[in-house]
N, C-alpha and C. Protein backbone atom coordinates (compact mmCIF):
# COMPACT_ATOMS: atom_id res chain seq x y z
N MET A 1 89.92 115.22 92.42
CA MET A 1 90.00 114.76 93.80
C MET A 1 91.26 113.90 93.94
N GLU A 2 91.76 113.83 95.17
CA GLU A 2 92.90 112.96 95.43
C GLU A 2 92.50 111.89 96.43
N GLY A 3 93.31 110.84 96.49
CA GLY A 3 93.03 109.75 97.41
C GLY A 3 94.21 108.80 97.50
N THR A 4 94.01 107.72 98.27
CA THR A 4 95.04 106.72 98.50
C THR A 4 94.50 105.35 98.08
N VAL A 5 95.33 104.59 97.38
CA VAL A 5 94.93 103.25 96.93
C VAL A 5 94.82 102.35 98.16
N LYS A 6 93.64 101.77 98.37
CA LYS A 6 93.45 100.82 99.47
C LYS A 6 94.03 99.47 99.06
N TRP A 7 93.68 99.03 97.85
CA TRP A 7 94.27 97.82 97.28
C TRP A 7 94.00 97.81 95.79
N PHE A 8 94.87 97.12 95.06
CA PHE A 8 94.69 96.99 93.62
C PHE A 8 95.30 95.66 93.20
N ASN A 9 94.50 94.80 92.57
CA ASN A 9 94.95 93.51 92.10
C ASN A 9 95.34 93.63 90.63
N ILE A 10 96.63 93.57 90.35
CA ILE A 10 97.12 93.76 88.98
C ILE A 10 96.59 92.66 88.06
N LYS A 11 96.54 91.42 88.56
CA LYS A 11 96.07 90.30 87.72
C LYS A 11 94.59 90.45 87.35
N LYS A 12 93.78 90.90 88.30
CA LYS A 12 92.35 91.08 88.03
C LYS A 12 92.06 92.42 87.36
N GLY A 13 92.95 93.39 87.58
CA GLY A 13 92.81 94.68 86.91
C GLY A 13 91.88 95.67 87.58
N TYR A 14 91.64 95.49 88.87
CA TYR A 14 90.80 96.45 89.57
C TYR A 14 91.15 96.51 91.05
N GLY A 15 90.60 97.52 91.72
CA GLY A 15 90.81 97.69 93.15
C GLY A 15 89.97 98.84 93.66
N PHE A 16 90.40 99.42 94.79
CA PHE A 16 89.65 100.51 95.40
C PHE A 16 90.59 101.61 95.87
N VAL A 17 90.09 102.83 95.74
CA VAL A 17 90.80 104.02 96.20
C VAL A 17 89.93 104.66 97.28
N GLU A 18 90.57 105.11 98.36
CA GLU A 18 89.84 105.89 99.35
C GLU A 18 90.10 107.36 99.06
N GLY A 19 89.03 108.06 98.70
CA GLY A 19 89.15 109.47 98.38
C GLY A 19 89.37 110.30 99.64
N ASP A 20 89.89 111.50 99.46
CA ASP A 20 90.10 112.39 100.59
C ASP A 20 88.77 112.78 101.25
N ASP A 21 87.66 112.48 100.59
CA ASP A 21 86.34 112.74 101.17
C ASP A 21 85.88 111.59 102.07
N GLY A 22 86.74 110.54 102.22
CA GLY A 22 86.40 109.41 103.07
C GLY A 22 85.60 108.32 102.38
N GLU A 23 85.22 108.54 101.13
CA GLU A 23 84.44 107.56 100.38
C GLU A 23 85.38 106.61 99.63
N GLU A 24 84.89 105.39 99.36
CA GLU A 24 85.65 104.41 98.58
C GLU A 24 85.17 104.42 97.13
N TYR A 25 86.14 104.36 96.22
CA TYR A 25 85.85 104.39 94.80
C TYR A 25 86.46 103.17 94.13
N PHE A 26 85.65 102.48 93.33
CA PHE A 26 86.14 101.37 92.52
C PHE A 26 87.03 101.93 91.43
N VAL A 27 88.16 101.27 91.18
CA VAL A 27 89.03 101.71 90.08
C VAL A 27 89.36 100.51 89.20
N HIS A 28 89.15 100.68 87.91
CA HIS A 28 89.43 99.65 86.91
C HIS A 28 90.69 100.05 86.15
N HIS A 29 91.44 99.05 85.71
CA HIS A 29 92.71 99.36 85.02
C HIS A 29 92.51 100.26 83.81
N SER A 30 91.33 100.23 83.22
CA SER A 30 91.08 101.07 82.04
C SER A 30 91.02 102.56 82.41
N ALA A 31 90.92 102.89 83.71
CA ALA A 31 90.90 104.28 84.15
C ALA A 31 92.32 104.84 84.33
N LEU A 32 93.32 103.96 84.16
CA LEU A 32 94.73 104.35 84.33
C LEU A 32 95.37 104.58 82.96
N PRO A 33 96.34 105.49 82.89
CA PRO A 33 97.07 105.65 81.63
C PRO A 33 97.82 104.36 81.30
N LYS A 34 97.95 104.07 80.02
CA LYS A 34 98.63 102.86 79.59
C LYS A 34 100.04 102.81 80.19
N GLY A 35 100.39 101.65 80.76
CA GLY A 35 101.71 101.48 81.35
C GLY A 35 101.83 101.95 82.79
N THR A 36 100.75 102.48 83.36
CA THR A 36 100.77 102.93 84.76
C THR A 36 100.19 101.83 85.64
N PHE A 37 100.91 101.53 86.71
CA PHE A 37 100.45 100.53 87.67
C PHE A 37 100.35 101.19 89.04
N ILE A 38 99.31 100.83 89.78
CA ILE A 38 99.15 101.38 91.12
C ILE A 38 99.17 100.24 92.13
N ARG A 39 99.61 100.57 93.33
CA ARG A 39 99.69 99.60 94.42
C ARG A 39 99.14 100.23 95.70
N GLU A 40 98.96 99.40 96.70
CA GLU A 40 98.47 99.84 98.00
C GLU A 40 99.31 101.01 98.52
N ASN A 41 98.65 102.00 99.05
CA ASN A 41 99.23 103.22 99.64
C ASN A 41 99.74 104.24 98.63
N ASP A 42 99.62 103.97 97.33
CA ASP A 42 99.99 104.98 96.34
C ASP A 42 99.02 106.15 96.44
N ARG A 43 99.51 107.33 96.19
CA ARG A 43 98.68 108.54 96.19
C ARG A 43 98.28 108.83 94.75
N VAL A 44 97.00 109.05 94.50
CA VAL A 44 96.49 109.26 93.15
C VAL A 44 95.53 110.45 93.11
N SER A 45 95.35 110.97 91.91
CA SER A 45 94.28 111.94 91.67
C SER A 45 93.31 111.26 90.71
N PHE A 46 92.05 111.65 90.78
CA PHE A 46 91.04 111.02 89.92
C PHE A 46 89.80 111.88 89.86
N GLU A 47 88.96 111.55 88.88
CA GLU A 47 87.66 112.19 88.77
C GLU A 47 86.62 111.24 89.34
N PRO A 48 85.92 111.65 90.40
CA PRO A 48 84.88 110.78 90.97
C PRO A 48 83.67 110.72 90.05
N ALA A 49 83.09 109.53 89.93
CA ALA A 49 81.91 109.37 89.09
C ALA A 49 80.91 108.47 89.80
N GLU A 50 79.65 108.83 89.73
CA GLU A 50 78.57 108.01 90.28
C GLU A 50 77.98 107.22 89.12
N THR A 51 78.07 105.89 89.21
CA THR A 51 77.57 105.03 88.13
C THR A 51 76.45 104.13 88.66
N GLU A 52 75.88 103.34 87.76
CA GLU A 52 74.84 102.39 88.15
C GLU A 52 75.36 101.42 89.20
N ARG A 53 76.66 101.15 89.15
CA ARG A 53 77.27 100.17 90.07
C ARG A 53 77.89 100.83 91.30
N GLY A 54 77.78 102.13 91.43
CA GLY A 54 78.34 102.81 92.60
C GLY A 54 79.41 103.81 92.21
N LYS A 55 80.17 104.23 93.20
CA LYS A 55 81.20 105.25 92.98
C LYS A 55 82.41 104.64 92.29
N GLN A 56 82.90 105.37 91.27
CA GLN A 56 84.07 104.91 90.53
C GLN A 56 85.06 106.05 90.35
N ALA A 57 86.33 105.66 90.26
CA ALA A 57 87.40 106.62 89.99
C ALA A 57 87.71 106.57 88.50
N LYS A 58 87.63 107.70 87.84
CA LYS A 58 87.91 107.81 86.41
C LYS A 58 89.14 108.69 86.21
N ASN A 59 89.83 108.52 85.08
CA ASN A 59 91.00 109.34 84.75
C ASN A 59 91.99 109.41 85.91
N VAL A 60 92.39 108.25 86.37
CA VAL A 60 93.28 108.14 87.52
C VAL A 60 94.72 108.46 87.11
N ALA A 61 95.40 109.26 87.93
CA ALA A 61 96.81 109.61 87.69
C ALA A 61 97.60 109.34 88.97
N LEU A 62 98.72 108.66 88.82
CA LEU A 62 99.60 108.38 89.95
C LEU A 62 100.33 109.66 90.35
N LEU A 63 100.22 110.06 91.61
CA LEU A 63 100.89 111.25 92.10
C LEU A 63 102.19 110.90 92.83
N GLU A 64 102.11 109.86 93.66
CA GLU A 64 103.27 109.47 94.45
C GLU A 64 103.14 108.01 94.86
N LYS A 65 104.21 107.26 94.68
CA LYS A 65 104.20 105.85 95.07
C LYS A 65 104.19 105.75 96.59
N GLY A 66 103.48 104.77 97.10
CA GLY A 66 103.40 104.57 98.55
C GLY A 66 104.76 104.35 99.17
N SER A 67 105.64 103.64 98.47
CA SER A 67 106.98 103.37 99.00
C SER A 67 107.78 104.66 99.15
N GLU A 68 107.59 105.62 98.25
CA GLU A 68 108.29 106.91 98.35
C GLU A 68 107.72 107.74 99.50
N ARG A 69 106.41 107.65 99.70
CA ARG A 69 105.78 108.39 100.80
C ARG A 69 106.27 107.88 102.13
N GLU A 70 106.38 106.55 102.27
CA GLU A 70 106.82 105.97 103.53
C GLU A 70 108.25 106.36 103.84
N SER A 71 109.13 106.34 102.83
CA SER A 71 110.53 106.66 103.10
C SER A 71 110.70 108.14 103.41
N SER A 72 109.93 109.01 102.77
CA SER A 72 110.05 110.44 103.07
C SER A 72 109.47 110.74 104.44
N GLU A 73 108.39 110.04 104.83
CA GLU A 73 107.84 110.24 106.16
C GLU A 73 108.82 109.75 107.21
N GLY A 74 109.47 108.63 106.94
CA GLY A 74 110.44 108.08 107.87
C GLY A 74 111.63 109.01 108.04
N SER A 75 112.07 109.65 106.96
CA SER A 75 113.22 110.54 107.07
C SER A 75 112.85 111.79 107.86
N ASP A 76 111.61 112.25 107.76
CA ASP A 76 111.17 113.39 108.56
C ASP A 76 111.21 113.04 110.04
N GLU A 77 110.72 111.84 110.37
CA GLU A 77 110.73 111.41 111.76
C GLU A 77 112.15 111.27 112.26
N ALA A 78 113.03 110.73 111.44
CA ALA A 78 114.42 110.53 111.84
C ALA A 78 115.09 111.88 112.09
N SER A 79 114.82 112.87 111.24
CA SER A 79 115.45 114.17 111.44
C SER A 79 114.90 114.85 112.68
N GLU A 80 113.60 114.65 112.97
CA GLU A 80 113.03 115.22 114.19
C GLU A 80 113.67 114.59 115.42
N GLU A 81 113.89 113.26 115.37
CA GLU A 81 114.51 112.58 116.50
C GLU A 81 115.92 113.08 116.71
N SER A 82 116.68 113.26 115.62
CA SER A 82 118.05 113.73 115.78
C SER A 82 118.08 115.16 116.30
N ASP A 83 117.11 115.99 115.90
CA ASP A 83 117.01 117.35 116.44
C ASP A 83 116.75 117.32 117.94
N GLU A 84 115.84 116.42 118.36
CA GLU A 84 115.53 116.31 119.78
C GLU A 84 116.75 115.85 120.56
N GLN A 85 117.48 114.87 120.02
CA GLN A 85 118.67 114.38 120.69
C GLN A 85 119.72 115.48 120.77
N SER A 86 119.85 116.27 119.73
CA SER A 86 120.79 117.38 119.71
C SER A 86 120.44 118.39 120.80
N ASP A 87 119.16 118.70 120.94
CA ASP A 87 118.70 119.62 121.98
C ASP A 87 119.02 119.08 123.37
N GLU A 88 118.78 117.77 123.56
CA GLU A 88 119.06 117.15 124.85
C GLU A 88 120.55 117.22 125.16
N ASN A 89 121.39 116.96 124.17
CA ASN A 89 122.84 117.02 124.36
C ASN A 89 123.29 118.43 124.73
N ASP A 90 122.71 119.43 124.08
CA ASP A 90 123.04 120.83 124.39
C ASP A 90 122.71 121.15 125.85
N GLU A 91 121.53 120.67 126.31
CA GLU A 91 121.12 120.94 127.68
C GLU A 91 122.06 120.27 128.69
N GLN A 92 122.51 119.06 128.35
CA GLN A 92 123.40 118.33 129.26
C GLN A 92 124.75 119.00 129.37
N GLU A 93 125.22 119.62 128.28
CA GLU A 93 126.53 120.26 128.29
C GLU A 93 126.53 121.53 129.14
N GLU A 94 125.37 122.18 129.27
CA GLU A 94 125.30 123.45 130.03
C GLU A 94 125.34 123.23 131.46
C-alpha cells in the first residue's frame, strides 16, 4: 500500500502515515530501513498491519520526498499558466 506521512517526530522515533485507503497508520522508526528518515508530506509504501494497538505501517519505504513532490507540482502549474498566457497572446495577435 502507499500513503503520505502526516507527521513524524525524529526525536521520538514515531509518527503517522495516511494510507491511500484513508486510514491512519502508526509508524515506528524500526519499520524504516536503517538511515532512512521520513518527514511530513513524504510519499511512502508500506505493509499495513492490524496489531493489538491498532493499525501500523510495517516495512516502510520512502518513495518520494514531500519537498520534491511540491516542487514538481509547482512546475506543472507554472507550465500550465505559461501555456495559457501563450494562448491568450496568440488570440490577441489575431
